[in-house]
Amino acid sequence: MRVRKIHLGERNLIGLYVSKRRKALGIKQKDLLTQLQIMGIDLNASGLSKIEGQMRYVTDFELKALSEALGCNIPDMFEEYEPGETE
């Protein structure tokens, strides 16, 4: 597992939660991407990495699919966010 060297961005609020939840569930990025693709979300590894790094905006379709794939409610994805928090 690589450690993020770049500070988190400011383009979404859920990226840090997605990263933490995915790791807590023991899901690799490629496995999460597979689940998302089955749900019709065409996202590549770079896109997911940018979401987790808060460097990319998240569409409402992606938000819904991510919550389903990670087994959480959408509001939960926002409750964990604290400005300035890092991985």
PDB file of N, CA and C in Angstrom:
ATOM      1  N   MET A   1       0.840  -1.177   0.000  1.00  0.00           N
ATOM      2  CA  MET A   1       0.000   0.000   0.000  1.00  0.00           C
ATOM      3  C   MET A   1       0.880   1.232   0.000  1.00  0.00           C
ATOM      4  N   ARG A   2       0.575   2.136  -0.915  1.00  0.00           N
ATOM      5  CA  ARG A   2       1.330   3.378  -0.995  1.00  0.00           C
ATOM      6  C   ARG A   2       0.751   4.402  -0.027  1.00  0.00           C
ATOM      7  N   VAL A   3       1.611   5.220   0.513  1.00  0.00           N
ATOM      8  CA  VAL A   3       1.194   6.292   1.406  1.00  0.00           C
ATOM      9  C   VAL A   3       1.032   7.556   0.582  1.00  0.00           C
ATOM     10  N   ARG A   4      -0.061   8.260   0.817  1.00  0.00           N
ATOM     11  CA  ARG A   4      -0.329   9.497   0.079  1.00  0.00           C
ATOM     12  C   ARG A   4       0.710  10.547   0.439  1.00  0.00           C
ATOM     13  N   LYS A   5       1.358  11.103  -0.568  1.00  0.00           N
ATOM     14  CA  LYS A   5       2.392  12.115  -0.356  1.00  0.00           C
ATOM     15  C   LYS A   5       1.861  13.526  -0.552  1.00  0.00           C
ATOM     16  N   ILE A   6       0.758  13.637  -1.271  1.00  0.00           N
ATOM     17  CA  ILE A   6       0.169  14.936  -1.570  1.00  0.00           C
ATOM     18  C   ILE A   6      -0.945  15.202  -0.556  1.00  0.00           C
ATOM     19  N   HIS A   7      -1.027  16.432  -0.071  1.00  0.00           N
ATOM     20  CA  HIS A   7      -2.088  16.791   0.861  1.00  0.00           C
ATOM     21  C   HIS A   7      -3.446  16.629   0.192  1.00  0.00           C
ATOM     22  N   LEU A   8      -4.461  16.385   1.021  1.00  0.00           N
ATOM     23  CA  LEU A   8      -5.809  16.243   0.497  1.00  0.00           C
ATOM     24  C   LEU A   8      -6.264  17.548  -0.135  1.00  0.00           C
ATOM     25  N   GLY A   9      -7.081  17.429  -1.166  1.00  0.00           N
ATOM     26  CA  GLY A   9      -7.589  18.593  -1.880  1.00  0.00           C
ATOM     27  C   GLY A   9      -8.858  19.134  -1.253  1.00  0.00           C
ATOM     28  N   GLU A  10      -9.571  19.923  -2.031  1.00  0.00           N
ATOM     29  CA  GLU A  10     -10.772  20.600  -1.526  1.00  0.00           C
ATOM     30  C   GLU A  10     -11.957  20.448  -2.479  1.00  0.00           C
ATOM     31  N   ARG A  11     -11.972  19.402  -3.288  1.00  0.00           N
ATOM     32  CA  ARG A  11     -13.025  19.294  -4.301  1.00  0.00           C
ATOM     33  C   ARG A  11     -14.186  18.392  -3.903  1.00  0.00           C
ATOM     34  N   ASN A  12     -14.084  17.720  -2.769  1.00  0.00           N
ATOM     35  CA  ASN A  12     -15.206  16.952  -2.249  1.00  0.00           C
ATOM     36  C   ASN A  12     -15.035  16.791  -0.757  1.00  0.00           C
ATOM     37  N   LEU A  13     -16.104  16.405  -0.090  1.00  0.00           N
ATOM     38  CA  LEU A  13     -16.067  16.206   1.358  1.00  0.00           C
ATOM     39  C   LEU A  13     -15.966  14.735   1.739  1.00  0.00           C
ATOM     40  N   ILE A  14     -16.237  13.841   0.804  1.00  0.00           N
ATOM     41  CA  ILE A  14     -16.373  12.432   1.162  1.00  0.00           C
ATOM     42  C   ILE A  14     -15.145  11.582   0.883  1.00  0.00           C
ATOM     43  N   GLY A  15     -14.167  12.128   0.209  1.00  0.00           N
ATOM     44  CA  GLY A  15     -13.019  11.328  -0.210  1.00  0.00           C
ATOM     45  C   GLY A  15     -12.297  10.636   0.918  1.00  0.00           C
ATOM     46  N   LEU A  16     -12.069  11.350   2.005  1.00  0.00           N
ATOM     47  CA  LEU A  16     -11.365  10.763   3.141  1.00  0.00           C
ATOM     48  C   LEU A  16     -12.190   9.629   3.742  1.00  0.00           C
ATOM     49  N   TYR A  17     -13.520   9.831   3.832  1.00  0.00           N
ATOM     50  CA  TYR A  17     -14.397   8.775   4.348  1.00  0.00           C
ATOM     51  C   TYR A  17     -14.339   7.549   3.450  1.00  0.00           C
ATOM     52  N   VAL A  18     -14.408   7.747   2.145  1.00  0.00           N
ATOM     53  CA  VAL A  18     -14.362   6.629   1.195  1.00  0.00           C
ATOM     54  C   VAL A  18     -13.080   5.832   1.401  1.00  0.00           C
ATOM     55  N   SER A  19     -11.975   6.520   1.502  1.00  0.00           N
ATOM     56  CA  SER A  19     -10.694   5.858   1.691  1.00  0.00           C
ATOM     57  C   SER A  19     -10.647   5.075   3.002  1.00  0.00           C
ATOM     58  N   LYS A  20     -11.051   5.714   4.090  1.00  0.00           N
ATOM     59  CA  LYS A  20     -11.029   5.043   5.400  1.00  0.00           C
ATOM     60  C   LYS A  20     -11.984   3.855   5.450  1.00  0.00           C
ATOM     61  N   ARG A  21     -13.183   4.031   4.933  1.00  0.00           N
ATOM     62  CA  ARG A  21     -14.194   2.964   4.951  1.00  0.00           C
ATOM     63  C   ARG A  21     -13.732   1.790   4.092  1.00  0.00           C
ATOM     64  N   ARG A  22     -13.204   2.076   2.915  1.00  0.00           N
ATOM     65  CA  ARG A  22     -12.731   1.019   2.021  1.00  0.00           C
ATOM     66  C   ARG A  22     -11.642   0.202   2.696  1.00  0.00           C
ATOM     67  N   LYS A  23     -10.701   0.881   3.324  1.00  0.00           N
ATOM     68  CA  LYS A  23      -9.600   0.187   4.000  1.00  0.00           C
ATOM     69  C   LYS A  23     -10.090  -0.593   5.210  1.00  0.00           C
ATOM     70  N   ALA A  24     -11.044  -0.027   5.951  1.00  0.00           N
ATOM     71  CA  ALA A  24     -11.600  -0.715   7.124  1.00  0.00           C
ATOM     72  C   ALA A  24     -12.318  -2.005   6.723  1.00  0.00           C
ATOM     73  N   LEU A  25     -12.918  -1.991   5.548  1.00  0.00           N
ATOM     74  CA  LEU A  25     -13.613  -3.179   5.044  1.00  0.00           C
ATOM     75  C   LEU A  25     -12.654  -4.157   4.365  1.00  0.00           C
ATOM     76  N   GLY A  26     -11.408  -3.748   4.201  1.00  0.00           N
ATOM     77  CA  GLY A  26     -10.423  -4.605   3.546  1.00  0.00           C
ATOM     78  C   GLY A  26     -10.633  -4.737   2.053  1.00  0.00           C
ATOM     79  N   ILE A  27     -11.188  -3.692   1.449  1.00  0.00           N
ATOM     80  CA  ILE A  27     -11.467  -3.704   0.010  1.00  0.00           C
ATOM     81  C   ILE A  27     -10.349  -2.962  -0.720  1.00  0.00           C
ATOM     82  N   LYS A  28      -9.799  -3.580  -1.745  1.00  0.00           N
ATOM     83  CA  LYS A  28      -8.790  -2.918  -2.571  1.00  0.00           C
ATOM     84  C   LYS A  28      -9.493  -1.977  -3.549  1.00  0.00           C
ATOM     85  N   GLN A  29      -8.762  -0.975  -4.013  1.00  0.00           N
ATOM     86  CA  GLN A  29      -9.340  -0.036  -4.970  1.00  0.00           C
ATOM     87  C   GLN A  29      -9.896  -0.756  -6.188  1.00  0.00           C
ATOM     88  N   LYS A  30      -9.153  -1.729  -6.716  1.00  0.00           N
ATOM     89  CA  LYS A  30      -9.619  -2.412  -7.935  1.00  0.00           C
ATOM     90  C   LYS A  30     -10.917  -3.177  -7.683  1.00  0.00           C
ATOM     91  N   ASP A  31     -11.107  -3.688  -6.469  1.00  0.00           N
ATOM     92  CA  ASP A  31     -12.347  -4.401  -6.155  1.00  0.00           C
ATOM     93  C   ASP A  31     -13.521  -3.430  -6.027  1.00  0.00           C
ATOM     94  N   LEU A  32     -13.267  -2.267  -5.435  1.00  0.00           N
ATOM     95  CA  LEU A  32     -14.308  -1.245  -5.356  1.00  0.00           C
ATOM     96  C   LEU A  32     -14.669  -0.751  -6.756  1.00  0.00           C
ATOM     97  N   LEU A  33     -13.675  -0.569  -7.594  1.00  0.00           N
ATOM     98  CA  LEU A  33     -13.929  -0.145  -8.971  1.00  0.00           C
ATOM     99  C   LEU A  33     -14.787  -1.167  -9.716  1.00  0.00           C
ATOM    100  N   THR A  34     -14.525  -2.451  -9.473  1.00  0.00           N
ATOM    101  CA  THR A  34     -15.320  -3.504 -10.107  1.00  0.00           C
ATOM    102  C   THR A  34     -16.774  -3.399  -9.673  1.00  0.00           C
ATOM    103  N   GLN A  35     -16.994  -3.207  -8.377  1.00  0.00           N
ATOM    104  CA  GLN A  35     -18.368  -3.072  -7.870  1.00  0.00           C
ATOM    105  C   GLN A  35     -19.059  -1.863  -8.491  1.00  0.00           C
ATOM    106  N   LEU A  36     -18.333  -0.759  -8.596  1.00  0.00           N
ATOM    107  CA  LEU A  36     -18.908   0.447  -9.179  1.00  0.00           C
ATOM    108  C   LEU A  36     -19.239   0.241 -10.653  1.00  0.00           C
ATOM    109  N   GLN A  37     -18.366  -0.450 -11.377  1.00  0.00           N
ATOM    110  CA  GLN A  37     -18.614  -0.699 -12.796  1.00  0.00           C
ATOM    111  C   GLN A  37     -19.836  -1.588 -12.994  1.00  0.00           C
ATOM    112  N   ILE A  38     -20.052  -2.541 -12.105  1.00  0.00           N
ATOM    113  CA  ILE A  38     -21.247  -3.387 -12.168  1.00  0.00           C
ATOM    114  C   ILE A  38     -22.502  -2.534 -11.993  1.00  0.00           C
ATOM    115  N   MET A  39     -22.385  -1.466 -11.188  1.00  0.00           N
ATOM    116  CA  MET A  39     -23.513  -0.554 -10.952  1.00  0.00           C
ATOM    117  C   MET A  39     -23.651   0.481 -12.059  1.00  0.00           C
ATOM    118  N   GLY A  40     -22.785   0.429 -13.066  1.00  0.00           N
ATOM    119  CA  GLY A  40     -22.885   1.360 -14.189  1.00  0.00           C
ATOM    120  C   GLY A  40     -22.066   2.624 -14.038  1.00  0.00           C
ATOM    121  N   ILE A  41     -21.169   2.659 -13.048  1.00  0.00           N
ATOM    122  CA  ILE A  41     -20.316   3.827 -12.844  1.00  0.00           C
ATOM    123  C   ILE A  41     -18.967   3.548 -13.496  1.00  0.00           C
ATOM    124  N   ASP A  42     -18.672   4.282 -14.557  1.00  0.00           N
ATOM    125  CA  ASP A  42     -17.427   4.080 -15.295  1.00  0.00           C
ATOM    126  C   ASP A  42     -16.346   4.967 -14.694  1.00  0.00           C
ATOM    127  N   LEU A  43     -15.592   4.392 -13.768  1.00  0.00           N
ATOM    128  CA  LEU A  43     -14.557   5.117 -13.056  1.00  0.00           C
ATOM    129  C   LEU A  43     -13.284   4.299 -13.123  1.00  0.00           C
ATOM    130  N   ASN A  44     -12.161   4.946 -13.373  1.00  0.00           N
ATOM    131  CA  ASN A  44     -10.894   4.216 -13.416  1.00  0.00           C
ATOM    132  C   ASN A  44     -10.129   4.426 -12.108  1.00  0.00           C
ATOM    133  N   ALA A  45      -8.987   3.754 -11.970  1.00  0.00           N
ATOM    134  CA  ALA A  45      -8.194   3.821 -10.740  1.00  0.00           C
ATOM    135  C   ALA A  45      -7.745   5.243 -10.434  1.00  0.00           C
ATOM    136  N   SER A  46      -7.378   5.972 -11.463  1.00  0.00           N
ATOM    137  CA  SER A  46      -6.954   7.351 -11.271  1.00  0.00           C
ATOM    138  C   SER A  46      -8.098   8.198 -10.721  1.00  0.00           C
ATOM    139  N   GLY A  47      -9.280   8.003 -11.260  1.00  0.00           N
ATOM    140  CA  GLY A  47     -10.455   8.753 -10.805  1.00  0.00           C
ATOM    141  C   GLY A  47     -10.786   8.463  -9.350  1.00  0.00           C
ATOM    142  N   LEU A  48     -10.741   7.184  -8.965  1.00  0.00           N
ATOM    143  CA  LEU A  48     -11.023   6.819  -7.578  1.00  0.00           C
ATOM    144  C   LEU A  48      -9.958   7.392  -6.645  1.00  0.00           C
ATOM    145  N   SER A  49      -8.722   7.320  -7.064  1.00  0.00           N
ATOM    146  CA  SER A  49      -7.634   7.876  -6.262  1.00  0.00           C
ATOM    147  C   SER A  49      -7.819   9.382  -6.073  1.00  0.00           C
ATOM    148  N   LYS A  50      -8.251  10.058  -7.119  1.00  0.00           N
ATOM    149  CA  LYS A  50      -8.484  11.501  -7.024  1.00  0.00           C
ATOM    150  C   LYS A  50      -9.686  11.811  -6.137  1.00  0.00           C
ATOM    151  N   ILE A  51     -10.705  10.963  -6.156  1.00  0.00           N
ATOM    152  CA  ILE A  51     -11.843  11.148  -5.253  1.00  0.00           C
ATOM    153  C   ILE A  51     -11.374  10.984  -3.814  1.00  0.00           C
ATOM    154  N   GLU A  52     -10.641   9.906  -3.552  1.00  0.00           N
ATOM    155  CA  GLU A  52     -10.154   9.657  -2.194  1.00  0.00           C
ATOM    156  C   GLU A  52      -9.207  10.760  -1.731  1.00  0.00           C
ATOM    157  N   GLY A  53      -8.478  11.358  -2.647  1.00  0.00           N
ATOM    158  CA  GLY A  53      -7.568  12.445  -2.313  1.00  0.00           C
ATOM    159  C   GLY A  53      -8.231  13.810  -2.333  1.00  0.00           C
ATOM    160  N   GLN A  54      -9.536  13.833  -2.553  1.00  0.00           N
ATOM    161  CA  GLN A  54     -10.344  15.047  -2.604  1.00  0.00           C
ATOM    162  C   GLN A  54      -9.854  16.014  -3.684  1.00  0.00           C
ATOM    163  N   MET A  55      -9.354  15.432  -4.778  1.00  0.00           N
ATOM    164  CA  MET A  55      -8.840  16.230  -5.889  1.00  0.00           C
ATOM    165  C   MET A  55      -9.816  16.242  -7.070  1.00  0.00           C
ATOM    166  N   ARG A  56     -10.950  15.552  -6.923  1.00  0.00           N
ATOM    167  CA  ARG A  56     -11.913  15.424  -8.018  1.00  0.00           C
ATOM    168  C   ARG A  56     -13.315  15.568  -7.445  1.00  0.00           C
ATOM    169  N   TYR A  57     -14.171  16.223  -8.203  1.00  0.00           N
ATOM    170  CA  TYR A  57     -15.572  16.339  -7.802  1.00  0.00           C
ATOM    171  C   TYR A  57     -16.256  14.979  -7.924  1.00  0.00           C
ATOM    172  N   VAL A  58     -17.305  14.772  -7.131  1.00  0.00           N
ATOM    173  CA  VAL A  58     -18.061  13.519  -7.136  1.00  0.00           C
ATOM    174  C   VAL A  58     -19.472  13.820  -7.621  1.00  0.00           C
ATOM    175  N   THR A  59     -19.936  13.063  -8.614  1.00  0.00           N
ATOM    176  CA  THR A  59     -21.301  13.272  -9.107  1.00  0.00           C
ATOM    177  C   THR A  59     -22.286  12.601  -8.157  1.00  0.00           C
ATOM    178  N   ASP A  60     -23.540  12.971  -8.276  1.00  0.00           N
ATOM    179  CA  ASP A  60     -24.562  12.361  -7.423  1.00  0.00           C
ATOM    180  C   ASP A  60     -24.698  10.866  -7.707  1.00  0.00           C
ATOM    181  N   PHE A  61     -24.541  10.458  -8.954  1.00  0.00           N
ATOM    182  CA  PHE A  61     -24.597   9.036  -9.302  1.00  0.00           C
ATOM    183  C   PHE A  61     -23.452   8.275  -8.622  1.00  0.00           C
ATOM    184  N   GLU A  62     -22.263   8.868  -8.642  1.00  0.00           N
ATOM    185  CA  GLU A  62     -21.101   8.239  -8.017  1.00  0.00           C
ATOM    186  C   GLU A  62     -21.271   8.167  -6.505  1.00  0.00           C
ATOM    187  N   LEU A  63     -21.814   9.217  -5.911  1.00  0.00           N
ATOM    188  CA  LEU A  63     -22.043   9.253  -4.473  1.00  0.00           C
ATOM    189  C   LEU A  63     -22.976   8.129  -4.048  1.00  0.00           C
ATOM    190  N   LYS A  64     -24.064   7.968  -4.772  1.00  0.00           N
ATOM    191  CA  LYS A  64     -25.027   6.907  -4.459  1.00  0.00           C
ATOM    192  C   LYS A  64     -24.376   5.534  -4.594  1.00  0.00           C
ATOM    193  N   ALA A  65     -23.655   5.303  -5.670  1.00  0.00           N
ATOM    194  CA  ALA A  65     -23.010   4.007  -5.896  1.00  0.00           C
ATOM    195  C   ALA A  65     -21.931   3.732  -4.845  1.00  0.00           C
ATOM    196  N   LEU A  66     -21.153   4.745  -4.495  1.00  0.00           N
ATOM    197  CA  LEU A  66     -20.121   4.564  -3.478  1.00  0.00           C
ATOM    198  C   LEU A  66     -20.737   4.182  -2.136  1.00  0.00           C
ATOM    199  N   SER A  67     -21.842   4.826  -1.776  1.00  0.00           N
ATOM    200  CA  SER A  67     -22.484   4.498  -0.500  1.00  0.00           C
ATOM    201  C   SER A  67     -23.001   3.060  -0.512  1.00  0.00           C
ATOM    202  N   GLU A  68     -23.555   2.628  -1.637  1.00  0.00           N
ATOM    203  CA  GLU A  68     -24.045   1.251  -1.740  1.00  0.00           C
ATOM    204  C   GLU A  68     -22.891   0.254  -1.700  1.00  0.00           C
ATOM    205  N   ALA A  69     -21.824   0.535  -2.425  1.00  0.00           N
ATOM    206  CA  ALA A  69     -20.677  -0.368  -2.486  1.00  0.00           C
ATOM    207  C   ALA A  69     -19.972  -0.479  -1.135  1.00  0.00           C
ATOM    208  N   LEU A  70     -19.984   0.609  -0.370  1.00  0.00           N
ATOM    209  CA  LEU A  70     -19.301   0.621   0.924  1.00  0.00           C
ATOM    210  C   LEU A  70     -20.242   0.285   2.081  1.00  0.00           C
ATOM    211  N   GLY A  71     -21.519   0.058   1.755  1.00  0.00           N
ATOM    212  CA  GLY A  71     -22.489  -0.349   2.776  1.00  0.00           C
ATOM    213  C   GLY A  71     -22.742   0.713   3.832  1.00  0.00           C
ATOM    214  N   CYS A  72     -22.893   1.950   3.391  1.00  0.00           N
ATOM    215  CA  CYS A  72     -23.156   3.033   4.342  1.00  0.00           C
ATOM    216  C   CYS A  72     -24.240   3.945   3.777  1.00  0.00           C
ATOM    217  N   ASN A  73     -24.754   4.801   4.626  1.00  0.00           N
ATOM    218  CA  ASN A  73     -25.732   5.790   4.202  1.00  0.00           C
ATOM    219  C   ASN A  73     -25.000   7.040   3.738  1.00  0.00           C
ATOM    220  N   ILE A  74     -25.579   7.739   2.793  1.00  0.00           N
ATOM    221  CA  ILE A  74     -24.943   8.950   2.270  1.00  0.00           C
ATOM    222  C   ILE A  74     -24.663   9.969   3.380  1.00  0.00           C
ATOM    223  N   PRO A  75     -25.617  10.255   4.290  1.00  0.00           N
ATOM    224  CA  PRO A  75     -25.304  11.233   5.339  1.00  0.00           C
ATOM    225  C   PRO A  75     -24.088  10.838   6.197  1.00  0.00           C
ATOM    226  N   ASP A  76     -23.883   9.541   6.388  1.00  0.00           N
ATOM    227  CA  ASP A  76     -22.725   9.077   7.170  1.00  0.00           C
ATOM    228  C   ASP A  76     -21.411   9.501   6.520  1.00  0.00           C
ATOM    229  N   MET A  77     -21.406   9.590   5.217  1.00  0.00           N
ATOM    230  CA  MET A  77     -20.187   9.926   4.494  1.00  0.00           C
ATOM    231  C   MET A  77     -19.753  11.364   4.783  1.00  0.00           C
ATOM    232  N   PHE A  78     -20.685  12.207   5.185  1.00  0.00           N
ATOM    233  CA  PHE A  78     -20.387  13.605   5.474  1.00  0.00           C
ATOM    234  C   PHE A  78     -20.089  13.844   6.949  1.00  0.00           C
ATOM    235  N   GLU A  79     -20.642  13.028   7.840  1.00  0.00           N
ATOM    236  CA  GLU A  79     -20.458  13.216   9.272  1.00  0.00           C
ATOM    237  C   GLU A  79     -19.012  13.039   9.703  1.00  0.00           C
ATOM    238  N   GLU A  80     -18.279  12.203   9.016  1.00  0.00           N
ATOM    239  CA  GLU A  80     -16.895  11.928   9.373  1.00  0.00           C
ATOM    240  C   GLU A  80     -15.954  13.060   8.982  1.00  0.00           C
ATOM    241  N   TYR A  81     -16.397  13.965   8.152  1.00  0.00           N
ATOM    242  CA  TYR A  81     -15.513  14.998   7.619  1.00  0.00           C
ATOM    243  C   TYR A  81     -15.189  16.052   8.667  1.00  0.00           C
ATOM    244  N   GLU A  82     -13.902  16.315   8.817  1.00  0.00           N
ATOM    245  CA  GLU A  82     -13.438  17.410   9.668  1.00  0.00           C
ATOM    246  C   GLU A  82     -12.417  18.208   8.852  1.00  0.00           C
ATOM    247  N   PRO A  83     -12.641  19.496   8.646  1.00  0.00           N
ATOM    248  CA  PRO A  83     -11.700  20.287   7.849  1.00  0.00           C
ATOM    249  C   PRO A  83     -10.265  20.156   8.357  1.00  0.00           C
ATOM    250  N   GLY A  84      -9.350  19.998   7.439  1.00  0.00           N
ATOM    251  CA  GLY A  84      -7.944  19.903   7.785  1.00  0.00           C
ATOM    252  C   GLY A  84      -7.479  18.500   8.144  1.00  0.00           C
ATOM    253  N   GLU A  85      -8.404  17.540   8.191  1.00  0.00           N
ATOM    254  CA  GLU A  85      -8.036  16.169   8.535  1.00  0.00           C
ATOM    255  C   GLU A  85      -7.249  15.560   7.391  1.00  0.00           C
ATOM    256  N   THR A  86      -6.325  14.670   7.701  1.00  0.00           N
ATOM    257  CA  THR A  86      -5.535  13.979   6.702  1.00  0.00           C
ATOM    258  C   THR A  86      -5.620  12.492   6.950  1.00  0.00           C
ATOM    259  N   GLU A  87      -5.151  11.717   5.970  1.00  0.00           N
ATOM    260  CA  GLU A  87      -5.158  10.261   6.096  1.00  0.00           C
ATOM    261  C   GLU A  87      -4.175   9.808   7.114  1.00  0.00           C
TER     262      GLU A  87
END
